């Protein structure tokens, strides 16, 4: 899977600005790169899981979790999106797994965006 630092301009697929919103990366993790670990609320995790089920940018092939071992690692072939104010957050749909299982703590502004969505 590609690694992109959180809140950097999204470039995995060409999007540019969509409806005037800047798109930034969230949760494009790699086992060779450090990432923030911390607690997140159950409400955030539930909303994030719901949003991750609404897949966009489906691709061929799968990317497996870089932190899990074995042949039954979670995998995905899509992304998810959250828009708030004038910013869209683009994340691999495995982000809910990274949060729930590996303790990844996304930036506060992404957490706020997820919590603001009416699921």
PDB file of N, CA and C in Angstrom:
ATOM      1  N   UNK A   1       0.850  -1.176   0.000  1.00  0.00           N
ATOM      2  CA  UNK A   1       0.000   0.000   0.000  1.00  0.00           C
ATOM      3  C   UNK A   1       0.894   1.236   0.000  1.00  0.00           C
ATOM      4  N   UNK A   2       0.411   2.263  -0.581  1.00  0.00           N
ATOM      5  CA  UNK A   2       1.145   3.521  -0.618  1.00  0.00           C
ATOM      6  C   UNK A   2       1.093   4.196   0.754  1.00  0.00           C
ATOM      7  N   UNK A   3       2.169   4.862   1.118  1.00  0.00           N
ATOM      8  CA  UNK A   3       2.202   5.655   2.350  1.00  0.00           C
ATOM      9  C   UNK A   3       2.104   7.124   1.970  1.00  0.00           C
ATOM     10  N   UNK A   4       1.202   7.835   2.656  1.00  0.00           N
ATOM     11  CA  UNK A   4       1.100   9.280   2.522  1.00  0.00           C
ATOM     12  C   UNK A   4       0.931   9.862   3.916  1.00  0.00           C
ATOM     13  N   UNK A   5       1.663  10.887   4.231  1.00  0.00           N
ATOM     14  CA  UNK A   5       1.553  11.534   5.530  1.00  0.00           C
ATOM     15  C   UNK A   5       0.170  12.174   5.672  1.00  0.00           C
ATOM     16  N   UNK A   6      -0.382  12.098   6.882  1.00  0.00           N
ATOM     17  CA  UNK A   6      -1.692  12.683   7.145  1.00  0.00           C
ATOM     18  C   UNK A   6      -1.717  14.170   6.807  1.00  0.00           C
ATOM     19  N   UNK A   7      -2.820  14.585   6.225  1.00  0.00           N
ATOM     20  CA  UNK A   7      -3.139  15.983   5.886  1.00  0.00           C
ATOM     21  C   UNK A   7      -2.315  16.548   4.728  1.00  0.00           C
ATOM     22  N   UNK A   8      -1.613  15.672   4.007  1.00  0.00           N
ATOM     23  CA  UNK A   8      -0.924  16.117   2.799  1.00  0.00           C
ATOM     24  C   UNK A   8      -1.907  16.044   1.633  1.00  0.00           C
ATOM     25  N   UNK A   9      -1.673  16.803   0.564  1.00  0.00           N
ATOM     26  CA  UNK A   9      -2.593  16.769  -0.576  1.00  0.00           C
ATOM     27  C   UNK A   9      -2.739  15.351  -1.142  1.00  0.00           C
ATOM     28  N   UNK A  10      -3.974  14.960  -1.378  1.00  0.00           N
ATOM     29  CA  UNK A  10      -4.281  13.645  -1.923  1.00  0.00           C
ATOM     30  C   UNK A  10      -3.798  13.545  -3.362  1.00  0.00           C
ATOM     31  N   UNK A  11      -3.118  12.427  -3.692  1.00  0.00           N
ATOM     32  CA  UNK A  11      -2.605  12.275  -5.051  1.00  0.00           C
ATOM     33  C   UNK A  11      -2.676  10.837  -5.563  1.00  0.00           C
ATOM     34  N   UNK A  12      -3.313   9.943  -4.827  1.00  0.00           N
ATOM     35  CA  UNK A  12      -3.344   8.534  -5.241  1.00  0.00           C
ATOM     36  C   UNK A  12      -4.084   8.368  -6.563  1.00  0.00           C
ATOM     37  N   UNK A  13      -5.242   8.980  -6.678  1.00  0.00           N
ATOM     38  CA  UNK A  13      -5.983   9.072  -7.935  1.00  0.00           C
ATOM     39  C   UNK A  13      -6.130  10.550  -8.261  1.00  0.00           C
ATOM     40  N   UNK A  14      -6.149  10.916  -9.538  1.00  0.00           N
ATOM     41  CA  UNK A  14      -6.324  12.338  -9.852  1.00  0.00           C
ATOM     42  C   UNK A  14      -7.726  12.811  -9.457  1.00  0.00           C
ATOM     43  N   UNK A  15      -7.776  13.848  -8.615  1.00  0.00           N
ATOM     44  CA  UNK A  15      -9.074  14.408  -8.243  1.00  0.00           C
ATOM     45  C   UNK A  15      -9.071  15.915  -8.343  1.00  0.00           C
ATOM     46  N   UNK A  16      -7.958  16.538  -7.948  1.00  0.00           N
ATOM     47  CA  UNK A  16      -7.946  17.989  -7.880  1.00  0.00           C
ATOM     48  C   UNK A  16      -8.951  18.436  -6.847  1.00  0.00           C
ATOM     49  N   UNK A  17      -9.597  19.541  -7.120  1.00  0.00           N
ATOM     50  CA  UNK A  17     -10.656  20.009  -6.234  1.00  0.00           C
ATOM     51  C   UNK A  17     -11.979  19.447  -6.721  1.00  0.00           C
ATOM     52  N   UNK A  18     -12.760  18.947  -5.805  1.00  0.00           N
ATOM     53  CA  UNK A  18     -14.090  18.446  -6.123  1.00  0.00           C
ATOM     54  C   UNK A  18     -15.087  19.374  -5.438  1.00  0.00           C
ATOM     55  N   UNK A  19     -15.900  20.035  -6.225  1.00  0.00           N
ATOM     56  CA  UNK A  19     -16.874  20.986  -5.690  1.00  0.00           C
ATOM     57  C   UNK A  19     -16.219  22.030  -4.785  1.00  0.00           C
ATOM     58  N   UNK A  20     -14.990  22.424  -5.098  1.00  0.00           N
ATOM     59  CA  UNK A  20     -14.309  23.448  -4.329  1.00  0.00           C
ATOM     60  C   UNK A  20     -13.644  22.956  -3.059  1.00  0.00           C
ATOM     61  N   UNK A  21     -13.658  21.649  -2.818  1.00  0.00           N
ATOM     62  CA  UNK A  21     -13.046  21.102  -1.608  1.00  0.00           C
ATOM     63  C   UNK A  21     -11.648  20.586  -1.904  1.00  0.00           C
ATOM     64  N   UNK A  22     -10.693  20.953  -1.062  1.00  0.00           N
ATOM     65  CA  UNK A  22      -9.362  20.369  -1.151  1.00  0.00           C
ATOM     66  C   UNK A  22      -9.422  18.969  -0.566  1.00  0.00           C
ATOM     67  N   UNK A  23      -8.752  18.020  -1.188  1.00  0.00           N
ATOM     68  CA  UNK A  23      -8.744  16.639  -0.708  1.00  0.00           C
ATOM     69  C   UNK A  23      -7.374  16.330  -0.116  1.00  0.00           C
ATOM     70  N   UNK A  24      -7.385  15.800   1.115  1.00  0.00           N
ATOM     71  CA  UNK A  24      -6.135  15.474   1.804  1.00  0.00           C
ATOM     72  C   UNK A  24      -6.144  14.010   2.241  1.00  0.00           C
ATOM     73  N   UNK A  25      -4.942  13.493   2.471  1.00  0.00           N
ATOM     74  CA  UNK A  25      -4.739  12.105   2.891  1.00  0.00           C
ATOM     75  C   UNK A  25      -4.952  11.926   4.385  1.00  0.00           C
ATOM     76  N   UNK A  26      -5.538  10.790   4.739  1.00  0.00           N
ATOM     77  CA  UNK A  26      -5.667  10.372   6.136  1.00  0.00           C
ATOM     78  C   UNK A  26      -5.503   8.848   6.175  1.00  0.00           C
ATOM     79  N   UNK A  27      -4.672   8.363   7.049  1.00  0.00           N
ATOM     80  CA  UNK A  27      -4.609   6.929   7.312  1.00  0.00           C
ATOM     81  C   UNK A  27      -3.941   6.059   6.272  1.00  0.00           C
ATOM     82  N   UNK A  28      -3.097   6.636   5.447  1.00  0.00           N
ATOM     83  CA  UNK A  28      -2.350   5.832   4.477  1.00  0.00           C
ATOM     84  C   UNK A  28      -1.072   5.361   5.170  1.00  0.00           C
ATOM     85  N   UNK A  29      -1.194   4.316   5.990  1.00  0.00           N
ATOM     86  CA  UNK A  29      -0.126   3.873   6.869  1.00  0.00           C
ATOM     87  C   UNK A  29       0.742   2.797   6.222  1.00  0.00           C
ATOM     88  N   UNK A  30       1.944   2.668   6.769  1.00  0.00           N
ATOM     89  CA  UNK A  30       2.887   1.655   6.319  1.00  0.00           C
ATOM     90  C   UNK A  30       3.682   1.189   7.531  1.00  0.00           C
ATOM     91  N   UNK A  31       4.032  -0.070   7.561  1.00  0.00           N
ATOM     92  CA  UNK A  31       4.752  -0.619   8.716  1.00  0.00           C
ATOM     93  C   UNK A  31       6.146  -0.008   8.891  1.00  0.00           C
ATOM     94  N   UNK A  32       6.705   0.592   7.853  1.00  0.00           N
ATOM     95  CA  UNK A  32       8.031   1.204   7.955  1.00  0.00           C
ATOM     96  C   UNK A  32       7.972   2.654   8.438  1.00  0.00           C
ATOM     97  N   UNK A  33       6.765   3.195   8.629  1.00  0.00           N
ATOM     98  CA  UNK A  33       6.613   4.593   9.027  1.00  0.00           C
ATOM     99  C   UNK A  33       5.893   4.688  10.371  1.00  0.00           C
ATOM    100  N   UNK A  34       6.369   5.559  11.271  1.00  0.00           N
ATOM    101  CA  UNK A  34       5.660   5.723  12.553  1.00  0.00           C
ATOM    102  C   UNK A  34       4.316   6.422  12.338  1.00  0.00           C
ATOM    103  N   UNK A  35       3.388   6.161  13.248  1.00  0.00           N
ATOM    104  CA  UNK A  35       2.094   6.842  13.200  1.00  0.00           C
ATOM    105  C   UNK A  35       1.609   7.071  14.619  1.00  0.00           C
ATOM    106  N   UNK A  36       0.745   8.065  14.774  1.00  0.00           N
ATOM    107  CA  UNK A  36       0.225   8.438  16.083  1.00  0.00           C
ATOM    108  C   UNK A  36      -0.697   7.346  16.608  1.00  0.00           C
ATOM    109  N   UNK A  37      -0.502   6.975  17.859  1.00  0.00           N
ATOM    110  CA  UNK A  37      -1.334   5.984  18.537  1.00  0.00           C
ATOM    111  C   UNK A  37      -2.037   6.688  19.684  1.00  0.00           C
ATOM    112  N   UNK A  38      -3.316   6.362  19.880  1.00  0.00           N
ATOM    113  CA  UNK A  38      -4.051   6.959  20.977  1.00  0.00           C
ATOM    114  C   UNK A  38      -5.486   6.484  21.004  1.00  0.00           C
ATOM    115  N   UNK A  39      -6.165   6.843  22.065  1.00  0.00           N
ATOM    116  CA  UNK A  39      -7.559   6.451  22.257  1.00  0.00           C
ATOM    117  C   UNK A  39      -8.485   7.244  21.339  1.00  0.00           C
ATOM    118  N   UNK A  40      -9.540   6.591  20.895  1.00  0.00           N
ATOM    119  CA  UNK A  40     -10.633   7.253  20.188  1.00  0.00           C
ATOM    120  C   UNK A  40     -11.929   6.725  20.783  1.00  0.00           C
ATOM    121  N   UNK A  41     -12.976   7.505  20.675  1.00  0.00           N
ATOM    122  CA  UNK A  41     -14.245   7.122  21.295  1.00  0.00           C
ATOM    123  C   UNK A  41     -14.928   5.995  20.525  1.00  0.00           C
ATOM    124  N   UNK A  42     -15.796   5.291  21.224  1.00  0.00           N
ATOM    125  CA  UNK A  42     -16.578   4.227  20.591  1.00  0.00           C
ATOM    126  C   UNK A  42     -17.475   4.822  19.507  1.00  0.00           C
ATOM    127  N   UNK A  43     -18.046   6.004  19.783  1.00  0.00           N
ATOM    128  CA  UNK A  43     -18.899   6.663  18.795  1.00  0.00           C
ATOM    129  C   UNK A  43     -18.122   6.940  17.509  1.00  0.00           C
ATOM    130  N   UNK A  44     -16.896   7.449  17.643  1.00  0.00           N
ATOM    131  CA  UNK A  44     -16.071   7.710  16.465  1.00  0.00           C
ATOM    132  C   UNK A  44     -15.819   6.410  15.707  1.00  0.00           C
ATOM    133  N   UNK A  45     -15.445   5.352  16.415  1.00  0.00           N
ATOM    134  CA  UNK A  45     -15.135   4.081  15.757  1.00  0.00           C
ATOM    135  C   UNK A  45     -16.349   3.506  15.029  1.00  0.00           C
ATOM    136  N   UNK A  46     -17.534   3.625  15.628  1.00  0.00           N
ATOM    137  CA  UNK A  46     -18.748   3.117  14.978  1.00  0.00           C
ATOM    138  C   UNK A  46     -19.087   3.919  13.723  1.00  0.00           C
ATOM    139  N   UNK A  47     -18.989   5.239  13.820  1.00  0.00           N
ATOM    140  CA  UNK A  47     -19.268   6.081  12.645  1.00  0.00           C
ATOM    141  C   UNK A  47     -18.238   5.838  11.546  1.00  0.00           C
ATOM    142  N   UNK A  48     -16.982   5.694  11.937  1.00  0.00           N
ATOM    143  CA  UNK A  48     -15.927   5.437  10.958  1.00  0.00           C
ATOM    144  C   UNK A  48     -16.182   4.118  10.234  1.00  0.00           C
ATOM    145  N   UNK A  49     -16.558   3.085  10.971  1.00  0.00           N
ATOM    146  CA  UNK A  49     -16.852   1.786  10.347  1.00  0.00           C
ATOM    147  C   UNK A  49     -18.005   1.911   9.354  1.00  0.00           C
ATOM    148  N   UNK A  50     -19.020   2.675   9.704  1.00  0.00           N
ATOM    149  CA  UNK A  50     -20.145   2.889   8.791  1.00  0.00           C
ATOM    150  C   UNK A  50     -19.682   3.611   7.535  1.00  0.00           C
ATOM    151  N   UNK A  51     -18.886   4.656   7.705  1.00  0.00           N
ATOM    152  CA  UNK A  51     -18.390   5.407   6.551  1.00  0.00           C
ATOM    153  C   UNK A  51     -17.479   4.554   5.670  1.00  0.00           C
ATOM    154  N   UNK A  52     -16.703   3.660   6.279  1.00  0.00           N
ATOM    155  CA  UNK A  52     -15.808   2.800   5.503  1.00  0.00           C
ATOM    156  C   UNK A  52     -16.579   1.785   4.665  1.00  0.00           C
ATOM    157  N   UNK A  53     -17.813   1.522   5.027  1.00  0.00           N
ATOM    158  CA  UNK A  53     -18.627   0.605   4.224  1.00  0.00           C
ATOM    159  C   UNK A  53     -19.140   1.283   2.951  1.00  0.00           C
ATOM    160  N   UNK A  54     -19.014   2.598   2.865  1.00  0.00           N
ATOM    161  CA  UNK A  54     -19.410   3.357   1.675  1.00  0.00           C
ATOM    162  C   UNK A  54     -18.170   3.593   0.818  1.00  0.00           C
ATOM    163  N   UNK A  55     -17.784   2.595   0.099  1.00  0.00           N
ATOM    164  CA  UNK A  55     -16.506   2.607  -0.614  1.00  0.00           C
ATOM    165  C   UNK A  55     -16.547   3.463  -1.890  1.00  0.00           C
ATOM    166  N   UNK A  56     -15.421   4.130  -2.143  1.00  0.00           N
ATOM    167  CA  UNK A  56     -15.213   4.881  -3.382  1.00  0.00           C
ATOM    168  C   UNK A  56     -13.872   4.465  -3.964  1.00  0.00           C
ATOM    169  N   UNK A  57     -13.642   4.813  -5.212  1.00  0.00           N
ATOM    170  CA  UNK A  57     -12.383   4.491  -5.893  1.00  0.00           C
ATOM    171  C   UNK A  57     -12.007   3.016  -5.765  1.00  0.00           C
ATOM    172  N   UNK A  58     -12.965   2.149  -6.031  1.00  0.00           N
ATOM    173  CA  UNK A  58     -12.710   0.711  -6.014  1.00  0.00           C
ATOM    174  C   UNK A  58     -11.663   0.382  -7.076  1.00  0.00           C
ATOM    175  N   UNK A  59     -10.686  -0.448  -6.724  1.00  0.00           N
ATOM    176  CA  UNK A  59      -9.626  -0.821  -7.656  1.00  0.00           C
ATOM    177  C   UNK A  59      -9.616  -2.333  -7.845  1.00  0.00           C
ATOM    178  N   UNK A  60      -8.828  -2.783  -8.773  1.00  0.00           N
ATOM    179  CA  UNK A  60      -8.623  -4.220  -8.961  1.00  0.00           C
ATOM    180  C   UNK A  60      -7.521  -4.652  -8.017  1.00  0.00           C
ATOM    181  N   UNK A  61      -7.628  -5.824  -7.472  1.00  0.00           N
ATOM    182  CA  UNK A  61      -6.620  -6.303  -6.539  1.00  0.00           C
ATOM    183  C   UNK A  61      -6.892  -5.773  -5.147  1.00  0.00           C
ATOM    184  N   UNK A  62      -6.163  -6.305  -4.193  1.00  0.00           N
ATOM    185  CA  UNK A  62      -6.369  -5.943  -2.795  1.00  0.00           C
ATOM    186  C   UNK A  62      -5.065  -5.513  -2.145  1.00  0.00           C
ATOM    187  N   UNK A  63      -5.181  -4.606  -1.174  1.00  0.00           N
ATOM    188  CA  UNK A  63      -4.073  -4.226  -0.307  1.00  0.00           C
ATOM    189  C   UNK A  63      -4.365  -4.820   1.068  1.00  0.00           C
ATOM    190  N   UNK A  64      -3.414  -5.529   1.628  1.00  0.00           N
ATOM    191  CA  UNK A  64      -3.591  -6.142   2.944  1.00  0.00           C
ATOM    192  C   UNK A  64      -3.051  -5.232   4.032  1.00  0.00           C
ATOM    193  N   UNK A  65      -3.564  -5.417   5.245  1.00  0.00           N
ATOM    194  CA  UNK A  65      -3.065  -4.655   6.391  1.00  0.00           C
ATOM    195  C   UNK A  65      -1.566  -4.915   6.549  1.00  0.00           C
ATOM    196  N   UNK A  66      -0.759  -3.841   6.587  1.00  0.00           N
ATOM    197  CA  UNK A  66       0.687  -4.030   6.698  1.00  0.00           C
ATOM    198  C   UNK A  66       1.152  -4.420   8.107  1.00  0.00           C
ATOM    199  N   UNK A  67       0.247  -4.447   9.069  1.00  0.00           N
ATOM    200  CA  UNK A  67       0.617  -4.727  10.458  1.00  0.00           C
ATOM    201  C   UNK A  67       0.210  -6.127  10.912  1.00  0.00           C
ATOM    202  N   UNK A  68      -0.773  -6.701  10.268  1.00  0.00           N
ATOM    203  CA  UNK A  68      -1.234  -8.048  10.627  1.00  0.00           C
ATOM    204  C   UNK A  68      -0.380  -9.090   9.912  1.00  0.00           C
ATOM    205  N   UNK A  69      -0.257 -10.247  10.517  1.00  0.00           N
ATOM    206  CA  UNK A  69       0.525 -11.332   9.931  1.00  0.00           C
ATOM    207  C   UNK A  69      -0.394 -12.475   9.528  1.00  0.00           C
ATOM    208  N   UNK A  70       0.080 -13.299   8.639  1.00  0.00           N
ATOM    209  CA  UNK A  70      -0.655 -14.491   8.252  1.00  0.00           C
ATOM    210  C   UNK A  70      -1.465 -14.317   6.993  1.00  0.00           C
ATOM    211  N   UNK A  71      -1.992 -15.428   6.500  1.00  0.00           N
ATOM    212  CA  UNK A  71      -2.714 -15.404   5.226  1.00  0.00           C
ATOM    213  C   UNK A  71      -4.107 -14.785   5.313  1.00  0.00           C
ATOM    214  N   UNK A  72      -4.650 -14.614   6.504  1.00  0.00           N
ATOM    215  CA  UNK A  72      -6.006 -14.080   6.654  1.00  0.00           C
ATOM    216  C   UNK A  72      -6.018 -12.622   7.098  1.00  0.00           C
ATOM    217  N   UNK A  73      -5.012 -11.877   6.673  1.00  0.00           N
ATOM    218  CA  UNK A  73      -4.963 -10.460   7.022  1.00  0.00           C
ATOM    219  C   UNK A  73      -6.132  -9.717   6.397  1.00  0.00           C
ATOM    220  N   UNK A  74      -6.688  -8.725   7.106  1.00  0.00           N
ATOM    221  CA  UNK A  74      -7.739  -7.904   6.505  1.00  0.00           C
ATOM    222  C   UNK A  74      -7.193  -7.207   5.258  1.00  0.00           C
ATOM    223  N   UNK A  75      -8.057  -7.041   4.270  1.00  0.00           N
ATOM    224  CA  UNK A  75      -7.630  -6.344   3.060  1.00  0.00           C
ATOM    225  C   UNK A  75      -8.785  -5.537   2.494  1.00  0.00           C
ATOM    226  N   UNK A  76      -8.439  -4.674   1.564  1.00  0.00           N
ATOM    227  CA  UNK A  76      -9.441  -3.841   0.925  1.00  0.00           C
ATOM    228  C   UNK A  76      -8.926  -3.421  -0.442  1.00  0.00           C
ATOM    229  N   UNK A  77      -9.852  -2.943  -1.246  1.00  0.00           N
ATOM    230  CA  UNK A  77      -9.469  -2.445  -2.570  1.00  0.00           C
ATOM    231  C   UNK A  77     -10.199  -1.141  -2.882  1.00  0.00           C
ATOM    232  N   UNK A  78     -10.468  -0.376  -1.829  1.00  0.00           N
ATOM    233  CA  UNK A  78     -11.228   0.864  -2.034  1.00  0.00           C
ATOM    234  C   UNK A  78     -10.815   1.917  -1.008  1.00  0.00           C
ATOM    235  N   UNK A  79     -11.440   3.076  -1.143  1.00  0.00           N
ATOM    236  CA  UNK A  79     -11.207   4.197  -0.240  1.00  0.00           C
ATOM    237  C   UNK A  79     -12.537   4.641   0.351  1.00  0.00           C
ATOM    238  N   UNK A  80     -12.462   5.547   1.310  1.00  0.00           N
ATOM    239  CA  UNK A  80     -13.640   6.199   1.868  1.00  0.00           C
ATOM    240  C   UNK A  80     -13.381   7.692   1.873  1.00  0.00           C
ATOM    241  N   UNK A  81     -14.452   8.472   1.975  1.00  0.00           N
ATOM    242  CA  UNK A  81     -14.344   9.931   1.980  1.00  0.00           C
ATOM    243  C   UNK A  81     -15.205  10.529   3.080  1.00  0.00           C
ATOM    244  N   UNK A  82     -14.725  11.627   3.638  1.00  0.00           N
ATOM    245  CA  UNK A  82     -15.482  12.433   4.584  1.00  0.00           C
ATOM    246  C   UNK A  82     -15.223  13.885   4.206  1.00  0.00           C
ATOM    247  N   UNK A  83     -16.287  14.685   4.114  1.00  0.00           N
ATOM    248  CA  UNK A  83     -16.142  16.098   3.781  1.00  0.00           C
ATOM    249  C   UNK A  83     -16.679  16.937   4.922  1.00  0.00           C
ATOM    250  N   UNK A  84     -15.916  17.967   5.270  1.00  0.00           N
ATOM    251  CA  UNK A  84     -16.346  18.911   6.301  1.00  0.00           C
ATOM    252  C   UNK A  84     -15.774  20.281   5.983  1.00  0.00           C
ATOM    253  N   UNK A  85     -16.585  21.278   6.101  1.00  0.00           N
ATOM    254  CA  UNK A  85     -16.237  22.661   5.809  1.00  0.00           C
ATOM    255  C   UNK A  85     -15.730  22.727   4.367  1.00  0.00           C
ATOM    256  N   UNK A  86     -14.463  23.006   4.135  1.00  0.00           N
ATOM    257  CA  UNK A  86     -13.958  23.102   2.764  1.00  0.00           C
ATOM    258  C   UNK A  86     -12.882  22.058   2.481  1.00  0.00           C
ATOM    259  N   UNK A  87     -12.934  20.945   3.204  1.00  0.00           N
ATOM    260  CA  UNK A  87     -11.906  19.921   3.053  1.00  0.00           C
ATOM    261  C   UNK A  87     -12.553  18.546   2.951  1.00  0.00           C
ATOM    262  N   UNK A  88     -12.004  17.723   2.053  1.00  0.00           N
ATOM    263  CA  UNK A  88     -12.399  16.324   1.956  1.00  0.00           C
ATOM    264  C   UNK A  88     -11.214  15.474   2.390  1.00  0.00           C
ATOM    265  N   UNK A  89     -11.501  14.484   3.214  1.00  0.00           N
ATOM    266  CA  UNK A  89     -10.483  13.559   3.714  1.00  0.00           C
ATOM    267  C   UNK A  89     -10.610  12.255   2.945  1.00  0.00           C
ATOM    268  N   UNK A  90      -9.512  11.786   2.368  1.00  0.00           N
ATOM    269  CA  UNK A  90      -9.482  10.538   1.606  1.00  0.00           C
ATOM    270  C   UNK A  90      -8.641   9.525   2.374  1.00  0.00           C
ATOM    271  N   UNK A  91      -9.227   8.361   2.624  1.00  0.00           N
ATOM    272  CA  UNK A  91      -8.530   7.332   3.400  1.00  0.00           C
ATOM    273  C   UNK A  91      -8.763   5.964   2.776  1.00  0.00           C
ATOM    274  N   UNK A  92      -7.818   5.049   2.981  1.00  0.00           N
ATOM    275  CA  UNK A  92      -8.093   3.670   2.576  1.00  0.00           C
ATOM    276  C   UNK A  92      -9.222   3.137   3.460  1.00  0.00           C
ATOM    277  N   UNK A  93     -10.058   2.281   2.920  1.00  0.00           N
ATOM    278  CA  UNK A  93     -11.187   1.799   3.715  1.00  0.00           C
ATOM    279  C   UNK A  93     -10.758   0.882   4.856  1.00  0.00           C
ATOM    280  N   UNK A  94      -9.495   0.548   4.942  1.00  0.00           N
ATOM    281  CA  UNK A  94      -8.962  -0.192   6.101  1.00  0.00           C
ATOM    282  C   UNK A  94      -8.722   0.710   7.308  1.00  0.00           C
ATOM    283  N   UNK A  95      -8.972   2.005   7.181  1.00  0.00           N
ATOM    284  CA  UNK A  95      -8.683   2.926   8.280  1.00  0.00           C
ATOM    285  C   UNK A  95      -9.434   2.535   9.552  1.00  0.00           C
ATOM    286  N   UNK A  96     -10.653   2.021   9.422  1.00  0.00           N
ATOM    287  CA  UNK A  96     -11.376   1.617  10.631  1.00  0.00           C
ATOM    288  C   UNK A  96     -10.666   0.461  11.336  1.00  0.00           C
ATOM    289  N   UNK A  97     -10.072  -0.432  10.584  1.00  0.00           N
ATOM    290  CA  UNK A  97      -9.277  -1.531  11.151  1.00  0.00           C
ATOM    291  C   UNK A  97      -8.030  -0.975  11.847  1.00  0.00           C
ATOM    292  N   UNK A  98      -7.352  -0.026  11.211  1.00  0.00           N
ATOM    293  CA  UNK A  98      -6.153   0.567  11.815  1.00  0.00           C
ATOM    294  C   UNK A  98      -6.479   1.217  13.162  1.00  0.00           C
ATOM    295  N   UNK A  99      -7.622   1.882  13.230  1.00  0.00           N
ATOM    296  CA  UNK A  99      -8.034   2.549  14.469  1.00  0.00           C
ATOM    297  C   UNK A  99      -8.398   1.516  15.532  1.00  0.00           C
ATOM    298  N   UNK A 100      -9.276   0.579  15.186  1.00  0.00           N
ATOM    299  CA  UNK A 100      -9.810  -0.374  16.162  1.00  0.00           C
ATOM    300  C   UNK A 100      -8.792  -1.399  16.634  1.00  0.00           C
ATOM    301  N   UNK A 101      -7.942  -1.880  15.735  1.00  0.00           N
ATOM    302  CA  UNK A 101      -7.036  -2.989  16.068  1.00  0.00           C
ATOM    303  C   UNK A 101      -5.618  -2.523  16.383  1.00  0.00           C
ATOM    304  N   UNK A 102      -5.149  -1.511  15.671  1.00  0.00           N
ATOM    305  CA  UNK A 102      -3.747  -1.103  15.817  1.00  0.00           C
ATOM    306  C   UNK A 102      -3.567   0.213  16.566  1.00  0.00           C
ATOM    307  N   UNK A 103      -4.657   0.813  17.040  1.00  0.00           N
ATOM    308  CA  UNK A 103      -4.571   2.008  17.873  1.00  0.00           C
ATOM    309  C   UNK A 103      -4.235   3.292  17.157  1.00  0.00           C
ATOM    310  N   UNK A 104      -4.312   3.292  15.818  1.00  0.00           N
ATOM    311  CA  UNK A 104      -4.026   4.521  15.066  1.00  0.00           C
ATOM    312  C   UNK A 104      -4.992   5.622  15.494  1.00  0.00           C
ATOM    313  N   UNK A 105      -4.451   6.803  15.758  1.00  0.00           N
ATOM    314  CA  UNK A 105      -5.272   7.961  16.107  1.00  0.00           C
ATOM    315  C   UNK A 105      -5.123   9.000  15.007  1.00  0.00           C
ATOM    316  N   UNK A 106      -6.165   9.150  14.193  1.00  0.00           N
ATOM    317  CA  UNK A 106      -6.116  10.158  13.130  1.00  0.00           C
ATOM    318  C   UNK A 106      -6.082  11.564  13.722  1.00  0.00           C
ATOM    319  N   UNK A 107      -5.753  12.552  12.912  1.00  0.00           N
ATOM    320  CA  UNK A 107      -5.757  13.939  13.387  1.00  0.00           C
ATOM    321  C   UNK A 107      -7.136  14.348  13.911  1.00  0.00           C
ATOM    322  N   UNK A 108      -7.129  15.246  14.883  1.00  0.00           N
ATOM    323  CA  UNK A 108      -8.368  15.692  15.522  1.00  0.00           C
ATOM    324  C   UNK A 108      -9.378  16.238  14.523  1.00  0.00           C
ATOM    325  N   UNK A 109      -8.925  16.940  13.491  1.00  0.00           N
ATOM    326  CA  UNK A 109      -9.877  17.509  12.538  1.00  0.00           C
ATOM    327  C   UNK A 109     -10.605  16.422  11.754  1.00  0.00           C
ATOM    328  N   UNK A 110      -9.943  15.298  11.495  1.00  0.00           N
ATOM    329  CA  UNK A 110     -10.620  14.180  10.835  1.00  0.00           C
ATOM    330  C   UNK A 110     -11.621  13.536  11.789  1.00  0.00           C
ATOM    331  N   UNK A 111     -11.241  13.365  13.040  1.00  0.00           N
ATOM    332  CA  UNK A 111     -12.166  12.810  14.030  1.00  0.00           C
ATOM    333  C   UNK A 111     -13.413  13.692  14.123  1.00  0.00           C
ATOM    334  N   UNK A 112     -13.223  14.995  14.167  1.00  0.00           N
ATOM    335  CA  UNK A 112     -14.358  15.924  14.230  1.00  0.00           C
ATOM    336  C   UNK A 112     -15.229  15.806  12.980  1.00  0.00           C
ATOM    337  N   UNK A 113     -14.621  15.637  11.827  1.00  0.00           N
ATOM    338  CA  UNK A 113     -15.380  15.504  10.578  1.00  0.00           C
ATOM    339  C   UNK A 113     -16.226  14.236  10.597  1.00  0.00           C
ATOM    340  N   UNK A 114     -15.647  13.132  11.065  1.00  0.00           N
ATOM    341  CA  UNK A 114     -16.387  11.876  11.151  1.00  0.00           C
ATOM    342  C   UNK A 114     -17.557  12.008  12.129  1.00  0.00           C
ATOM    343  N   UNK A 115     -17.302  12.623  13.268  1.00  0.00           N
ATOM    344  CA  UNK A 115     -18.346  12.770  14.275  1.00  0.00           C
ATOM    345  C   UNK A 115     -19.463  13.720  13.825  1.00  0.00           C
ATOM    346  N   UNK A 116     -19.163  14.600  12.877  1.00  0.00           N
ATOM    347  CA  UNK A 116     -20.171  15.541  12.389  1.00  0.00           C
ATOM    348  C   UNK A 116     -21.097  14.932  11.326  1.00  0.00           C
ATOM    349  N   UNK A 117     -20.704  13.788  10.770  1.00  0.00           N
ATOM    350  CA  UNK A 117     -21.509  13.150   9.745  1.00  0.00           C
ATOM    351  C   UNK A 117     -22.719  12.475  10.376  1.00  0.00           C
ATOM    352  N   UNK A 118     -23.876  12.666   9.760  1.00  0.00           N
ATOM    353  CA  UNK A 118     -25.092  11.996  10.222  1.00  0.00           C
ATOM    354  C   UNK A 118     -25.173  10.653   9.510  1.00  0.00           C
ATOM    355  N   UNK A 119     -24.792   9.597  10.218  1.00  0.00           N
ATOM    356  CA  UNK A 119     -24.804   8.254   9.609  1.00  0.00           C
ATOM    357  C   UNK A 119     -26.198   7.674   9.595  1.00  0.00           C
TER     358      UNK A 119
END
